[in-house]
Amino acid sequence: MASSIETMNLEELQAYQKEVEAAIKGYEKKRRAEALAAVREAAKQYGYSVEELIGGKPAAKTTAKGVAKYANPADPTQTWTGRGRQPTWVKDALAAGKPLSSMAI
């Protein structure tokens, strides 16, 4: 085999490389399917499904937005929960000497 590879030109080598990569992917896919079948069978012997053992697909994390506690006096549609970075309008009001409580909703 080595001598035939040495006689191949670049295009033939690249085509051969693609064939080898495809064969490797097919082999890996087959092995993965076999492993999954073995895991399913082992779980079944104990009376479980794989999903029960590993918890299925994890639920998407959802974080609730906080309730707005402060509003911009100049534009009430701009609000802030009091958590995280202060919006520019809060920083400007505090720099102007206004207390944070004056912007409370």
PDB file of N, CA and C in Angstrom:
ATOM      1  N   MET A   1       0.834  -1.186   0.000  1.00  0.00           N
ATOM      2  CA  MET A   1       0.000   0.000   0.000  1.00  0.00           C
ATOM      3  C   MET A   1       0.879   1.249   0.000  1.00  0.00           C
ATOM      4  N   ALA A   2       1.953   1.210   0.766  1.00  0.00           N
ATOM      5  CA  ALA A   2       2.812   2.383   0.869  1.00  0.00           C
ATOM      6  C   ALA A   2       3.415   2.736  -0.484  1.00  0.00           C
ATOM      7  N   SER A   3       3.782   1.742  -1.267  1.00  0.00           N
ATOM      8  CA  SER A   3       4.375   2.043  -2.564  1.00  0.00           C
ATOM      9  C   SER A   3       3.352   2.659  -3.512  1.00  0.00           C
ATOM     10  N   SER A   4       2.078   2.267  -3.424  1.00  0.00           N
ATOM     11  CA  SER A   4       1.075   2.854  -4.298  1.00  0.00           C
ATOM     12  C   SER A   4       0.773   4.300  -3.887  1.00  0.00           C
ATOM     13  N   ILE A   5       0.860   4.586  -2.610  1.00  0.00           N
ATOM     14  CA  ILE A   5       0.652   5.959  -2.143  1.00  0.00           C
ATOM     15  C   ILE A   5       1.770   6.847  -2.654  1.00  0.00           C
ATOM     16  N   GLU A   6       2.962   6.353  -2.646  1.00  0.00           N
ATOM     17  CA  GLU A   6       4.120   7.137  -3.079  1.00  0.00           C
ATOM     18  C   GLU A   6       4.055   7.482  -4.560  1.00  0.00           C
ATOM     19  N   THR A   7       3.339   6.688  -5.320  1.00  0.00           N
ATOM     20  CA  THR A   7       3.253   6.949  -6.759  1.00  0.00           C
ATOM     21  C   THR A   7       2.070   7.837  -7.137  1.00  0.00           C
ATOM     22  N   MET A   8       1.200   8.145  -6.177  1.00  0.00           N
ATOM     23  CA  MET A   8       0.023   8.974  -6.451  1.00  0.00           C
ATOM     24  C   MET A   8       0.431  10.435  -6.605  1.00  0.00           C
ATOM     25  N   ASN A   9      -0.337  11.130  -7.461  1.00  0.00           N
ATOM     26  CA  ASN A   9      -0.107  12.573  -7.572  1.00  0.00           C
ATOM     27  C   ASN A   9      -0.945  13.269  -6.495  1.00  0.00           C
ATOM     28  N   LEU A  10      -0.850  14.596  -6.434  1.00  0.00           N
ATOM     29  CA  LEU A  10      -1.511  15.361  -5.380  1.00  0.00           C
ATOM     30  C   LEU A  10      -3.030  15.180  -5.398  1.00  0.00           C
ATOM     31  N   GLU A  11      -3.636  15.251  -6.560  1.00  0.00           N
ATOM     32  CA  GLU A  11      -5.084  15.115  -6.652  1.00  0.00           C
ATOM     33  C   GLU A  11      -5.543  13.742  -6.176  1.00  0.00           C
ATOM     34  N   GLU A  12      -4.801  12.706  -6.548  1.00  0.00           N
ATOM     35  CA  GLU A  12      -5.151  11.354  -6.112  1.00  0.00           C
ATOM     36  C   GLU A  12      -5.000  11.211  -4.605  1.00  0.00           C
ATOM     37  N   LEU A  13      -3.948  11.794  -4.056  1.00  0.00           N
ATOM     38  CA  LEU A  13      -3.743  11.738  -2.611  1.00  0.00           C
ATOM     39  C   LEU A  13      -4.866  12.466  -1.863  1.00  0.00           C
ATOM     40  N   GLN A  14      -5.285  13.631  -2.376  1.00  0.00           N
ATOM     41  CA  GLN A  14      -6.360  14.378  -1.731  1.00  0.00           C
ATOM     42  C   GLN A  14      -7.676  13.612  -1.805  1.00  0.00           C
ATOM     43  N   ALA A  15      -7.947  12.968  -2.930  1.00  0.00           N
ATOM     44  CA  ALA A  15      -9.161  12.165  -3.066  1.00  0.00           C
ATOM     45  C   ALA A  15      -9.115  10.979  -2.103  1.00  0.00           C
ATOM     46  N   TYR A  16      -7.945  10.370  -1.989  1.00  0.00           N
ATOM     47  CA  TYR A  16      -7.770   9.235  -1.084  1.00  0.00           C
ATOM     48  C   TYR A  16      -7.950   9.690   0.371  1.00  0.00           C
ATOM     49  N   GLN A  17      -7.432  10.871   0.672  1.00  0.00           N
ATOM     50  CA  GLN A  17      -7.569  11.424   2.014  1.00  0.00           C
ATOM     51  C   GLN A  17      -9.045  11.617   2.357  1.00  0.00           C
ATOM     52  N   LYS A  18      -9.830  12.125   1.402  1.00  0.00           N
ATOM     53  CA  LYS A  18     -11.261  12.324   1.638  1.00  0.00           C
ATOM     54  C   LYS A  18     -11.957  10.989   1.891  1.00  0.00           C
ATOM     55  N   GLU A  19     -11.555   9.971   1.145  1.00  0.00           N
ATOM     56  CA  GLU A  19     -12.140   8.643   1.334  1.00  0.00           C
ATOM     57  C   GLU A  19     -11.825   8.118   2.728  1.00  0.00           C
ATOM     58  N   VAL A  20     -10.580   8.309   3.157  1.00  0.00           N
ATOM     59  CA  VAL A  20     -10.168   7.836   4.476  1.00  0.00           C
ATOM     60  C   VAL A  20     -10.932   8.590   5.565  1.00  0.00           C
ATOM     61  N   GLU A  21     -11.069   9.912   5.425  1.00  0.00           N
ATOM     62  CA  GLU A  21     -11.805  10.700   6.408  1.00  0.00           C
ATOM     63  C   GLU A  21     -13.259  10.266   6.482  1.00  0.00           C
ATOM     64  N   ALA A  22     -13.866   9.996   5.338  1.00  0.00           N
ATOM     65  CA  ALA A  22     -15.254   9.538   5.313  1.00  0.00           C
ATOM     66  C   ALA A  22     -15.376   8.171   5.988  1.00  0.00           C
ATOM     67  N   ALA A  23     -14.408   7.306   5.744  1.00  0.00           N
ATOM     68  CA  ALA A  23     -14.425   5.981   6.364  1.00  0.00           C
ATOM     69  C   ALA A  23     -14.269   6.091   7.882  1.00  0.00           C
ATOM     70  N   ILE A  24     -13.423   6.997   8.337  1.00  0.00           N
ATOM     71  CA  ILE A  24     -13.222   7.198   9.775  1.00  0.00           C
ATOM     72  C   ILE A  24     -14.500   7.725  10.413  1.00  0.00           C
ATOM     73  N   LYS A  25     -15.138   8.700   9.775  1.00  0.00           N
ATOM     74  CA  LYS A  25     -16.386   9.253  10.314  1.00  0.00           C
ATOM     75  C   LYS A  25     -17.466   8.176  10.393  1.00  0.00           C
ATOM     76  N   GLY A  26     -17.567   7.356   9.346  1.00  0.00           N
ATOM     77  CA  GLY A  26     -18.543   6.271   9.345  1.00  0.00           C
ATOM     78  C   GLY A  26     -18.265   5.270  10.456  1.00  0.00           C
ATOM     79  N   TYR A  27     -17.005   4.974  10.665  1.00  0.00           N
ATOM     80  CA  TYR A  27     -16.614   4.044  11.724  1.00  0.00           C
ATOM     81  C   TYR A  27     -16.965   4.619  13.096  1.00  0.00           C
ATOM     82  N   GLU A  28     -16.649   5.908  13.303  1.00  0.00           N
ATOM     83  CA  GLU A  28     -16.952   6.550  14.581  1.00  0.00           C
ATOM     84  C   GLU A  28     -18.461   6.602  14.828  1.00  0.00           C
ATOM     85  N   LYS A  29     -19.227   6.881  13.788  1.00  0.00           N
ATOM     86  CA  LYS A  29     -20.685   6.938  13.918  1.00  0.00           C
ATOM     87  C   LYS A  29     -21.229   5.561  14.300  1.00  0.00           C
ATOM     88  N   LYS A  30     -20.700   4.519  13.675  1.00  0.00           N
ATOM     89  CA  LYS A  30     -21.133   3.151  13.954  1.00  0.00           C
ATOM     90  C   LYS A  30     -20.791   2.770  15.394  1.00  0.00           C
ATOM     91  N   ARG A  31     -19.579   3.102  15.825  1.00  0.00           N
ATOM     92  CA  ARG A  31     -19.149   2.779  17.193  1.00  0.00           C
ATOM     93  C   ARG A  31     -19.987   3.530  18.220  1.00  0.00           C
ATOM     94  N   ARG A  32     -20.311   4.769  17.919  1.00  0.00           N
ATOM     95  CA  ARG A  32     -21.130   5.570  18.833  1.00  0.00           C
ATOM     96  C   ARG A  32     -22.522   4.956  18.964  1.00  0.00           C
ATOM     97  N   ALA A  33     -23.099   4.540  17.838  1.00  0.00           N
ATOM     98  CA  ALA A  33     -24.421   3.917  17.856  1.00  0.00           C
ATOM     99  C   ALA A  33     -24.383   2.620  18.650  1.00  0.00           C
ATOM    100  N   GLU A  34     -23.309   1.845  18.488  1.00  0.00           N
ATOM    101  CA  GLU A  34     -23.160   0.598  19.249  1.00  0.00           C
ATOM    102  C   GLU A  34     -23.048   0.889  20.741  1.00  0.00           C
ATOM    103  N   ALA A  35     -22.283   1.903  21.104  1.00  0.00           N
ATOM    104  CA  ALA A  35     -22.114   2.268  22.512  1.00  0.00           C
ATOM    105  C   ALA A  35     -23.446   2.726  23.106  1.00  0.00           C
ATOM    106  N   LEU A  36     -24.191   3.523  22.363  1.00  0.00           N
ATOM    107  CA  LEU A  36     -25.482   4.007  22.843  1.00  0.00           C
ATOM    108  C   LEU A  36     -26.455   2.838  23.025  1.00  0.00           C
ATOM    109  N   ALA A  37     -26.437   1.902  22.096  1.00  0.00           N
ATOM    110  CA  ALA A  37     -27.305   0.727  22.217  1.00  0.00           C
ATOM    111  C   ALA A  37     -26.931  -0.085  23.456  1.00  0.00           C
ATOM    112  N   ALA A  38     -25.642  -0.218  23.732  1.00  0.00           N
ATOM    113  CA  ALA A  38     -25.193  -0.958  24.907  1.00  0.00           C
ATOM    114  C   ALA A  38     -25.613  -0.244  26.191  1.00  0.00           C
ATOM    115  N   VAL A  39     -25.523   1.071  26.203  1.00  0.00           N
ATOM    116  CA  VAL A  39     -25.938   1.838  27.376  1.00  0.00           C
ATOM    117  C   VAL A  39     -27.440   1.699  27.581  1.00  0.00           C
ATOM    118  N   ARG A  40     -28.192   1.801  26.498  1.00  0.00           N
ATOM    119  CA  ARG A  40     -29.656   1.656  26.608  1.00  0.00           C
ATOM    120  C   ARG A  40     -30.018   0.266  27.146  1.00  0.00           C
ATOM    121  N   GLU A  41     -29.336  -0.757  26.656  1.00  0.00           N
ATOM    122  CA  GLU A  41     -29.611  -2.126  27.102  1.00  0.00           C
ATOM    123  C   GLU A  41     -29.257  -2.296  28.584  1.00  0.00           C
ATOM    124  N   ALA A  42     -28.130  -1.735  29.002  1.00  0.00           N
ATOM    125  CA  ALA A  42     -27.738  -1.829  30.405  1.00  0.00           C
ATOM    126  C   ALA A  42     -28.753  -1.107  31.292  1.00  0.00           C
ATOM    127  N   ALA A  43     -29.203   0.069  30.886  1.00  0.00           N
ATOM    128  CA  ALA A  43     -30.192   0.814  31.663  1.00  0.00           C
ATOM    129  C   ALA A  43     -31.503   0.034  31.724  1.00  0.00           C
ATOM    130  N   LYS A  44     -31.879  -0.593  30.613  1.00  0.00           N
ATOM    131  CA  LYS A  44     -33.124  -1.359  30.534  1.00  0.00           C
ATOM    132  C   LYS A  44     -33.087  -2.548  31.493  1.00  0.00           C
ATOM    133  N   GLN A  45     -31.921  -3.162  31.650  1.00  0.00           N
ATOM    134  CA  GLN A  45     -31.790  -4.302  32.555  1.00  0.00           C
ATOM    135  C   GLN A  45     -32.082  -3.908  34.000  1.00  0.00           C
ATOM    136  N   TYR A  46     -31.846  -2.645  34.331  1.00  0.00           N
ATOM    137  CA  TYR A  46     -32.116  -2.157  35.673  1.00  0.00           C
ATOM    138  C   TYR A  46     -33.488  -1.480  35.786  1.00  0.00           C
ATOM    139  N   GLY A  47     -34.233  -1.458  34.675  1.00  0.00           N
ATOM    140  CA  GLY A  47     -35.572  -0.907  34.698  1.00  0.00           C
ATOM    141  C   GLY A  47     -35.636   0.594  34.467  1.00  0.00           C
ATOM    142  N   TYR A  48     -34.595   1.141  33.848  1.00  0.00           N
ATOM    143  CA  TYR A  48     -34.551   2.578  33.586  1.00  0.00           C
ATOM    144  C   TYR A  48     -34.345   2.834  32.094  1.00  0.00           C
ATOM    145  N   SER A  49     -34.623   4.064  31.720  1.00  0.00           N
ATOM    146  CA  SER A  49     -34.231   4.507  30.388  1.00  0.00           C
ATOM    147  C   SER A  49     -32.998   5.374  30.576  1.00  0.00           C
ATOM    148  N   VAL A  50     -32.258   5.584  29.519  1.00  0.00           N
ATOM    149  CA  VAL A  50     -31.071   6.431  29.594  1.00  0.00           C
ATOM    150  C   VAL A  50     -31.472   7.847  30.020  1.00  0.00           C
ATOM    151  N   GLU A  51     -32.582   8.325  29.500  1.00  0.00           N
ATOM    152  CA  GLU A  51     -33.040   9.672  29.828  1.00  0.00           C
ATOM    153  C   GLU A  51     -33.333   9.819  31.315  1.00  0.00           C
ATOM    154  N   GLU A  52     -33.905   8.754  31.924  1.00  0.00           N
ATOM    155  CA  GLU A  52     -34.177   8.804  33.363  1.00  0.00           C
ATOM    156  C   GLU A  52     -32.883   8.873  34.168  1.00  0.00           C
ATOM    157  N   LEU A  53     -31.866   8.188  33.695  1.00  0.00           N
ATOM    158  CA  LEU A  53     -30.605   8.146  34.439  1.00  0.00           C
ATOM    159  C   LEU A  53     -29.797   9.427  34.311  1.00  0.00           C
ATOM    160  N   ILE A  54     -29.841  10.011  33.137  1.00  0.00           N
ATOM    161  CA  ILE A  54     -29.016  11.215  32.957  1.00  0.00           C
ATOM    162  C   ILE A  54     -29.843  12.492  33.046  1.00  0.00           C
ATOM    163  N   GLY A  55     -31.129  12.359  33.289  1.00  0.00           N
ATOM    164  CA  GLY A  55     -31.968  13.532  33.462  1.00  0.00           C
ATOM    165  C   GLY A  55     -32.475  14.134  32.180  1.00  0.00           C
ATOM    166  N   GLY A  56     -32.366  13.438  31.075  1.00  0.00           N
ATOM    167  CA  GLY A  56     -32.862  13.982  29.816  1.00  0.00           C
ATOM    168  C   GLY A  56     -32.100  15.216  29.399  1.00  0.00           C
ATOM    169  N   LYS A  57     -32.702  15.980  28.534  1.00  0.00           N
ATOM    170  CA  LYS A  57     -32.074  17.220  28.090  1.00  0.00           C
ATOM    171  C   LYS A  57     -32.226  18.269  29.179  1.00  0.00           C
ATOM    172  N   PRO A  58     -31.165  18.982  29.487  1.00  0.00           N
ATOM    173  CA  PRO A  58     -31.290  19.997  30.530  1.00  0.00           C
ATOM    174  C   PRO A  58     -32.219  21.122  30.079  1.00  0.00           C
ATOM    175  N   ALA A  59     -33.033  21.577  30.996  1.00  0.00           N
ATOM    176  CA  ALA A  59     -33.953  22.674  30.698  1.00  0.00           C
ATOM    177  C   ALA A  59     -33.158  23.955  30.513  1.00  0.00           C
ATOM    178  N   ALA A  60     -33.633  24.783  29.634  1.00  0.00           N
ATOM    179  CA  ALA A  60     -32.962  26.065  29.404  1.00  0.00           C
ATOM    180  C   ALA A  60     -33.098  26.909  30.658  1.00  0.00           C
ATOM    181  N   LYS A  61     -32.006  27.506  31.048  1.00  0.00           N
ATOM    182  CA  LYS A  61     -32.033  28.363  32.230  1.00  0.00           C
ATOM    183  C   LYS A  61     -32.759  29.651  31.891  1.00  0.00           C
ATOM    184  N   THR A  62     -33.679  29.972  32.734  1.00  0.00           N
ATOM    185  CA  THR A  62     -34.378  31.243  32.555  1.00  0.00           C
ATOM    186  C   THR A  62     -34.220  32.036  33.841  1.00  0.00           C
ATOM    187  N   THR A  63     -33.855  33.252  33.679  1.00  0.00           N
ATOM    188  CA  THR A  63     -33.743  34.127  34.838  1.00  0.00           C
ATOM    189  C   THR A  63     -34.796  35.207  34.704  1.00  0.00           C
ATOM    190  N   ALA A  64     -35.519  35.394  35.770  1.00  0.00           N
ATOM    191  CA  ALA A  64     -36.572  36.401  35.749  1.00  0.00           C
ATOM    192  C   ALA A  64     -35.940  37.783  35.858  1.00  0.00           C
ATOM    193  N   LYS A  65     -36.434  38.680  35.050  1.00  0.00           N
ATOM    194  CA  LYS A  65     -35.962  40.052  35.154  1.00  0.00           C
ATOM    195  C   LYS A  65     -36.520  40.636  36.433  1.00  0.00           C
ATOM    196  N   GLY A  66     -35.713  41.464  37.063  1.00  0.00           N
ATOM    197  CA  GLY A  66     -36.159  42.108  38.282  1.00  0.00           C
ATOM    198  C   GLY A  66     -37.222  43.155  37.994  1.00  0.00           C
ATOM    199  N   VAL A  67     -37.938  43.506  39.026  1.00  0.00           N
ATOM    200  CA  VAL A  67     -38.969  44.535  38.913  1.00  0.00           C
ATOM    201  C   VAL A  67     -38.281  45.890  38.976  1.00  0.00           C
ATOM    202  N   ALA A  68     -38.696  46.786  38.122  1.00  0.00           N
ATOM    203  CA  ALA A  68     -38.100  48.122  38.083  1.00  0.00           C
ATOM    204  C   ALA A  68     -38.388  48.854  39.390  1.00  0.00           C
ATOM    205  N   LYS A  69     -37.350  49.443  39.971  1.00  0.00           N
ATOM    206  CA  LYS A  69     -37.496  50.190  41.219  1.00  0.00           C
ATOM    207  C   LYS A  69     -37.267  51.684  41.024  1.00  0.00           C
ATOM    208  N   TYR A  70     -36.588  52.016  39.924  1.00  0.00           N
ATOM    209  CA  TYR A  70     -36.252  53.412  39.670  1.00  0.00           C
ATOM    210  C   TYR A  70     -36.620  53.766  38.237  1.00  0.00           C
ATOM    211  N   ALA A  71     -37.029  55.026  38.039  1.00  0.00           N
ATOM    212  CA  ALA A  71     -37.372  55.509  36.704  1.00  0.00           C
ATOM    213  C   ALA A  71     -36.719  56.862  36.492  1.00  0.00           C
ATOM    214  N   ASN A  72     -36.371  57.117  35.244  1.00  0.00           N
ATOM    215  CA  ASN A  72     -35.777  58.397  34.872  1.00  0.00           C
ATOM    216  C   ASN A  72     -36.866  59.463  34.941  1.00  0.00           C
ATOM    217  N   PRO A  73     -36.691  60.510  35.777  1.00  0.00           N
ATOM    218  CA  PRO A  73     -37.724  61.545  35.870  1.00  0.00           C
ATOM    219  C   PRO A  73     -37.979  62.243  34.531  1.00  0.00           C
ATOM    220  N   ALA A  74     -36.958  62.367  33.696  1.00  0.00           N
ATOM    221  CA  ALA A  74     -37.120  63.028  32.399  1.00  0.00           C
ATOM    222  C   ALA A  74     -37.788  62.127  31.372  1.00  0.00           C
ATOM    223  N   ASP A  75     -37.630  60.802  31.529  1.00  0.00           N
ATOM    224  CA  ASP A  75     -38.220  59.846  30.587  1.00  0.00           C
ATOM    225  C   ASP A  75     -38.631  58.603  31.368  1.00  0.00           C
ATOM    226  N   PRO A  76     -39.871  58.521  31.849  1.00  0.00           N
ATOM    227  CA  PRO A  76     -40.313  57.410  32.689  1.00  0.00           C
ATOM    228  C   PRO A  76     -40.243  56.027  32.027  1.00  0.00           C
ATOM    229  N   THR A  77     -40.043  55.975  30.720  1.00  0.00           N
ATOM    230  CA  THR A  77     -39.918  54.667  30.067  1.00  0.00           C
ATOM    231  C   THR A  77     -38.565  54.032  30.355  1.00  0.00           C
ATOM    232  N   GLN A  78     -37.603  54.829  30.795  1.00  0.00           N
ATOM    233  CA  GLN A  78     -36.291  54.308  31.155  1.00  0.00           C
ATOM    234  C   GLN A  78     -36.325  53.929  32.630  1.00  0.00           C
ATOM    235  N   THR A  79     -36.175  52.631  32.892  1.00  0.00           N
ATOM    236  CA  THR A  79     -36.238  52.147  34.268  1.00  0.00           C
ATOM    237  C   THR A  79     -34.995  51.349  34.609  1.00  0.00           C
ATOM    238  N   TRP A  80     -34.828  51.102  35.917  1.00  0.00           N
ATOM    239  CA  TRP A  80     -33.681  50.326  36.402  1.00  0.00           C
ATOM    240  C   TRP A  80     -34.137  49.544  37.612  1.00  0.00           C
ATOM    241  N   THR A  81     -33.682  48.309  37.729  1.00  0.00           N
ATOM    242  CA  THR A  81     -34.075  47.435  38.837  1.00  0.00           C
ATOM    243  C   THR A  81     -33.292  47.710  40.109  1.00  0.00           C
ATOM    244  N   GLY A  82     -32.192  48.427  39.987  1.00  0.00           N
ATOM    245  CA  GLY A  82     -31.342  48.654  41.153  1.00  0.00           C
ATOM    246  C   GLY A  82     -30.235  47.625  41.236  1.00  0.00           C
ATOM    247  N   ARG A  83     -30.232  46.696  40.281  1.00  0.00           N
ATOM    248  CA  ARG A  83     -29.189  45.667  40.230  1.00  0.00           C
ATOM    249  C   ARG A  83     -28.338  45.890  38.995  1.00  0.00           C
ATOM    250  N   GLY A  84     -27.103  45.466  39.075  1.00  0.00           N
ATOM    251  CA  GLY A  84     -26.207  45.590  37.926  1.00  0.00           C
ATOM    252  C   GLY A  84     -25.669  47.000  37.776  1.00  0.00           C
ATOM    253  N   ARG A  85     -25.115  47.275  36.635  1.00  0.00           N
ATOM    254  CA  ARG A  85     -24.532  48.597  36.388  1.00  0.00           C
ATOM    255  C   ARG A  85     -25.607  49.667  36.356  1.00  0.00           C
ATOM    256  N   GLN A  86     -25.249  50.814  36.879  1.00  0.00           N
ATOM    257  CA  GLN A  86     -26.188  51.932  36.874  1.00  0.00           C
ATOM    258  C   GLN A  86     -26.279  52.511  35.469  1.00  0.00           C
ATOM    259  N   PRO A  87     -27.500  52.799  35.013  1.00  0.00           N
ATOM    260  CA  PRO A  87     -27.641  53.457  33.714  1.00  0.00           C
ATOM    261  C   PRO A  87     -27.045  54.871  33.785  1.00  0.00           C
ATOM    262  N   THR A  88     -26.763  55.399  32.637  1.00  0.00           N
ATOM    263  CA  THR A  88     -26.164  56.737  32.560  1.00  0.00           C
ATOM    264  C   THR A  88     -27.042  57.773  33.235  1.00  0.00           C
ATOM    265  N   TRP A  89     -28.361  57.697  33.037  1.00  0.00           N
ATOM    266  CA  TRP A  89     -29.248  58.688  33.636  1.00  0.00           C
ATOM    267  C   TRP A  89     -29.202  58.646  35.153  1.00  0.00           C
ATOM    268  N   VAL A  90     -28.966  57.472  35.754  1.00  0.00           N
ATOM    269  CA  VAL A  90     -28.827  57.371  37.207  1.00  0.00           C
ATOM    270  C   VAL A  90     -27.514  58.010  37.634  1.00  0.00           C
ATOM    271  N   LYS A  91     -26.438  57.688  36.930  1.00  0.00           N
ATOM    272  CA  LYS A  91     -25.127  58.257  37.253  1.00  0.00           C
ATOM    273  C   LYS A  91     -25.164  59.781  37.156  1.00  0.00           C
ATOM    274  N   ASP A  92     -25.801  60.277  36.097  1.00  0.00           N
ATOM    275  CA  ASP A  92     -25.873  61.737  35.904  1.00  0.00           C
ATOM    276  C   ASP A  92     -26.664  62.399  37.033  1.00  0.00           C
ATOM    277  N   ALA A  93     -27.772  61.782  37.433  1.00  0.00           N
ATOM    278  CA  ALA A  93     -28.604  62.360  38.493  1.00  0.00           C
ATOM    279  C   ALA A  93     -27.857  62.339  39.820  1.00  0.00           C
ATOM    280  N   LEU A  94     -27.168  61.260  40.115  1.00  0.00           N
ATOM    281  CA  LEU A  94     -26.401  61.184  41.355  1.00  0.00           C
ATOM    282  C   LEU A  94     -25.260  62.194  41.351  1.00  0.00           C
ATOM    283  N   ALA A  95     -24.610  62.376  40.197  1.00  0.00           N
ATOM    284  CA  ALA A  95     -23.528  63.356  40.080  1.00  0.00           C
ATOM    285  C   ALA A  95     -24.057  64.777  40.264  1.00  0.00           C
ATOM    286  N   ALA A  96     -25.318  64.995  39.895  1.00  0.00           N
ATOM    287  CA  ALA A  96     -25.932  66.319  40.039  1.00  0.00           C
ATOM    288  C   ALA A  96     -26.417  66.556  41.468  1.00  0.00           C
ATOM    289  N   GLY A  97     -26.247  65.566  42.345  1.00  0.00           N
ATOM    290  CA  GLY A  97     -26.612  65.727  43.743  1.00  0.00           C
ATOM    291  C   GLY A  97     -27.980  65.213  44.114  1.00  0.00           C
ATOM    292  N   LYS A  98     -28.716  64.599  43.179  1.00  0.00           N
ATOM    293  CA  LYS A  98     -30.040  64.053  43.490  1.00  0.00           C
ATOM    294  C   LYS A  98     -29.871  62.728  44.229  1.00  0.00           C
ATOM    295  N   PRO A  99     -30.683  62.496  45.252  1.00  0.00           N
ATOM    296  CA  PRO A  99     -30.611  61.202  45.939  1.00  0.00           C
ATOM    297  C   PRO A  99     -31.282  60.132  45.088  1.00  0.00           C
ATOM    298  N   LEU A 100     -30.841  58.891  45.245  1.00  0.00           N
ATOM    299  CA  LEU A 100     -31.408  57.769  44.495  1.00  0.00           C
ATOM    300  C   LEU A 100     -32.896  57.614  44.824  1.00  0.00           C
ATOM    301  N   SER A 101     -33.272  57.933  46.041  1.00  0.00           N
ATOM    302  CA  SER A 101     -34.678  57.801  46.441  1.00  0.00           C
ATOM    303  C   SER A 101     -35.606  58.730  45.661  1.00  0.00           C
ATOM    304  N   SER A 102     -35.055  59.797  45.090  1.00  0.00           N
ATOM    305  CA  SER A 102     -35.900  60.702  44.310  1.00  0.00           C
ATOM    306  C   SER A 102     -36.313  60.100  42.973  1.00  0.00           C
ATOM    307  N   MET A 103     -35.658  59.027  42.569  1.00  0.00           N
ATOM    308  CA  MET A 103     -35.985  58.364  41.299  1.00  0.00           C
ATOM    309  C   MET A 103     -36.781  57.083  41.518  1.00  0.00           C
ATOM    310  N   ALA A 104     -37.108  56.783  42.785  1.00  0.00           N
ATOM    311  CA  ALA A 104     -37.844  55.550  43.100  1.00  0.00           C
ATOM    312  C   ALA A 104     -39.238  55.603  42.497  1.00  0.00           C
ATOM    313  N   ILE A 105     -39.687  54.446  42.079  1.00  0.00           N
ATOM    314  CA  ILE A 105     -41.030  54.337  41.486  1.00  0.00           C
ATOM    315  C   ILE A 105     -42.037  54.165  42.609  1.00  0.00           C
TER     316      ILE A 105
END
